[in-house]
Protein backbone atom coordinates (compact mmCIF):
# COMPACT_ATOMS: atom_id res chain seq x y z
CA MET A 1 76.99 6.91 -40.69
CA ASN A 2 75.99 5.27 -38.10
CA VAL A 3 78.93 5.35 -35.39
CA GLY A 4 77.79 2.68 -32.15
CA GLY A 5 74.74 2.95 -32.93
CA SER A 6 72.93 5.66 -30.91
CA ASN A 7 70.99 6.79 -33.86
CA ARG A 8 69.45 3.68 -32.61
CA ARG A 9 65.57 3.98 -32.37
CA THR A 10 64.31 0.89 -30.01
CA ARG A 11 60.79 0.03 -30.46
CA LYS A 12 58.95 -1.71 -28.83
CA ARG A 13 55.13 -2.85 -30.10
CA ARG A 14 52.60 -2.48 -28.07
CA GLY A 15 50.55 -4.99 -27.84
CA PRO A 16 46.21 -3.66 -28.06
CA MET A 17 44.91 -1.64 -25.38
CA ALA A 18 42.61 -4.37 -23.20
CA GLU A 19 40.79 -1.54 -20.46
CA ILE A 20 37.46 -1.26 -20.12
CA ASN A 21 35.79 1.88 -19.67
CA VAL A 22 33.52 1.99 -16.66
CA VAL A 23 32.29 5.06 -16.85
CA PRO A 24 29.17 4.64 -18.90
CA TYR A 25 27.74 1.35 -16.67
CA ILE A 26 28.17 3.72 -13.69
CA ASP A 27 25.92 6.10 -15.11
CA VAL A 28 23.54 3.36 -15.72
CA THR A 29 23.66 1.97 -12.34
CA PHE A 30 22.74 5.69 -10.71
CA VAL A 31 20.14 6.46 -13.44
CA LEU A 32 18.21 2.93 -12.13
CA LEU A 33 18.88 3.56 -8.77
CA MET A 34 17.31 6.73 -8.89
CA ILE A 35 14.58 5.26 -11.02
CA PHE A 36 14.01 2.61 -7.63
CA MET A 37 14.25 5.01 -5.17
CA ILE A 38 11.14 7.37 -6.87
CA THR A 39 8.87 4.60 -7.89
CA ALA A 40 9.29 2.60 -4.53
CA PRO A 41 7.17 4.34 -2.84
CA LEU A 42 4.14 4.06 -5.55
CA VAL A 43 3.95 0.72 -5.39
CA GLN A 44 3.85 0.20 -1.33
CA THR A 45 0.88 2.38 -1.47
CA GLY A 46 -2.63 1.29 -0.78
CA VAL A 47 -4.90 -0.14 1.72
CA ASP A 48 -4.18 -3.16 3.87
CA VAL A 49 -6.89 -4.51 4.02
CA ASP A 50 -7.30 -8.43 6.66
CA LEU A 51 -8.65 -10.75 4.90
CA PRO A 52 -10.02 -14.62 5.31
CA GLN A 53 -7.54 -17.36 3.14
CA ALA A 54 -10.49 -19.53 3.27
CA GLU A 55 -13.90 -19.78 3.25
CA ALA A 56 -15.83 -17.09 6.43
CA ALA A 57 -15.98 -18.36 9.68
CA ALA A 58 -17.60 -16.84 12.01
CA VAL A 59 -16.52 -13.54 13.45
CA ASP A 60 -15.25 -13.71 17.22
CA LEU A 61 -16.20 -10.68 18.77
CA LYS A 62 -14.11 -9.17 21.98
CA ASP A 63 -16.01 -7.79 24.88
CA GLU A 64 -17.48 -4.65 22.77
CA PRO A 65 -19.35 -4.90 20.10
CA PRO A 66 -18.18 -4.38 16.35
CA VAL A 67 -17.98 -0.41 14.38
CA ILE A 68 -19.72 -1.82 11.71
CA VAL A 69 -19.91 0.97 8.07
CA SER A 70 -22.42 0.12 5.88
CA ILE A 71 -23.01 1.18 2.73
CA LYS A 72 -26.34 1.18 0.40
CA HIS A 73 -26.21 1.01 -2.17
CA ASP A 74 -26.86 4.83 -3.10
CA GLY A 75 -23.35 5.21 -1.43
CA SER A 76 -24.86 6.53 1.41
CA PHE A 77 -22.30 5.60 4.25
CA TYR A 78 -24.43 4.60 7.92
CA ILE A 79 -21.92 4.04 11.31
CA ASP A 80 -23.07 0.95 14.47
CA ILE A 81 -21.35 2.05 17.22
CA GLY A 82 -22.56 0.51 20.34
CA ASP A 83 -26.13 1.48 20.98
CA ARG A 84 -26.70 3.85 17.61
CA GLN A 85 -27.87 1.84 14.69
CA ASP A 86 -27.15 2.61 11.04
CA GLU A 87 -26.53 5.90 11.65
CA PRO A 88 -26.55 7.92 8.39
CA VAL A 89 -22.66 10.21 8.45
CA ASP A 90 -20.90 11.63 5.74
CA GLU A 91 -17.28 10.76 5.39
CA GLN A 92 -15.60 13.50 7.71
CA THR A 93 -17.58 12.92 10.72
CA LEU A 94 -16.90 8.35 9.78
CA TYR A 95 -13.23 10.08 9.94
CA THR A 96 -14.00 11.62 13.74
CA ARG A 97 -16.08 9.23 14.72
CA VAL A 98 -13.61 6.29 14.19
CA ALA A 99 -10.55 7.97 15.43
CA ALA A 100 -12.87 9.01 18.57
CA VAL A 101 -13.42 4.98 19.15
CA PHE A 102 -9.99 3.89 18.61
CA ARG A 103 -8.78 6.89 20.44
CA ASN A 104 -10.56 4.96 23.43
CA ASN A 105 -10.25 1.72 22.98
CA PRO A 106 -7.26 1.09 20.35
CA GLN A 107 -8.36 -3.12 19.88
CA ALA A 108 -11.91 -1.81 18.79
CA GLN A 109 -13.26 -4.18 15.77
CA ILE A 110 -14.11 -2.11 12.33
CA TYR A 111 -16.34 -3.90 9.57
CA VAL A 112 -17.42 -2.77 6.16
CA ARG A 113 -20.60 -3.93 4.74
CA GLY A 114 -21.36 -2.42 1.42
CA ASP A 115 -23.95 -3.06 -1.11
CA HIS A 116 -22.99 -5.79 -3.51
CA LEU A 117 -24.17 -2.55 -6.17
CA VAL A 118 -21.84 0.22 -4.51
CA GLU A 119 -19.03 0.42 -6.97
CA TYR A 120 -15.72 -0.31 -5.62
CA GLY A 121 -14.03 4.25 -5.41
CA LYS A 122 -17.33 4.06 -2.45
CA ILE A 123 -15.72 1.21 -0.39
CA VAL A 124 -12.01 2.16 -1.18
CA THR A 125 -12.96 6.12 0.30
CA VAL A 126 -14.70 4.36 2.89
CA MET A 127 -11.07 2.05 4.14
CA VAL A 128 -8.93 4.87 3.68
CA ALA A 129 -11.36 6.92 5.64
CA LEU A 130 -10.47 3.89 8.36
CA LYS A 131 -6.95 3.54 7.91
CA ALA A 132 -6.38 7.46 8.34
CA ALA A 133 -8.84 7.56 11.18
CA GLY A 134 -5.96 4.88 12.93
CA ALA A 135 -8.06 1.33 12.33
CA PRO A 136 -5.34 -0.92 12.22
CA LYS A 137 -7.14 -4.02 10.49
CA VAL A 138 -10.40 -3.43 8.44
CA GLY A 139 -12.85 -6.16 8.09
CA LEU A 140 -15.04 -6.93 4.49
CA MET A 141 -18.46 -8.06 5.94
CA THR A 142 -20.21 -10.80 3.33
CA THR A 143 -23.48 -12.62 3.10
CA PRO A 144 -22.74 -16.86 2.81
CA PRO A 145 -24.01 -17.80 -0.58
CA GLU A 146 -26.84 -20.07 -0.59
CA ASN A 147 -26.83 -23.17 -2.10
């Protein structure tokens, strides 16, 4: 017997739960952040080259003659600094001489003249050595096409 309805249980119907668990989304976001943080420095490495935007015009030489690094078809390196023309050097000597030029004259111009048969890797090796020696810009010398 139920007196006064004291044992009467009132139950409410609950609606569906509409909460979104965001923890997996945060985990994915952190993983993506870590991937971008690791790969960003890898994308930014390289050798800065100041290439002309259009047809090459005559180079405006400043007060001092430029430093010219030549790479022959056999991969040997030569350097022209001032009065010393076509002096054969190895990679370490190239670095040492160019670093000395940039210590004395930070505004010095430097150009790479490579034979058209030289492997691309040799030119990149020279450009990396020049950048390590302190060259802010490196120009590439070309010859005008024959008509």
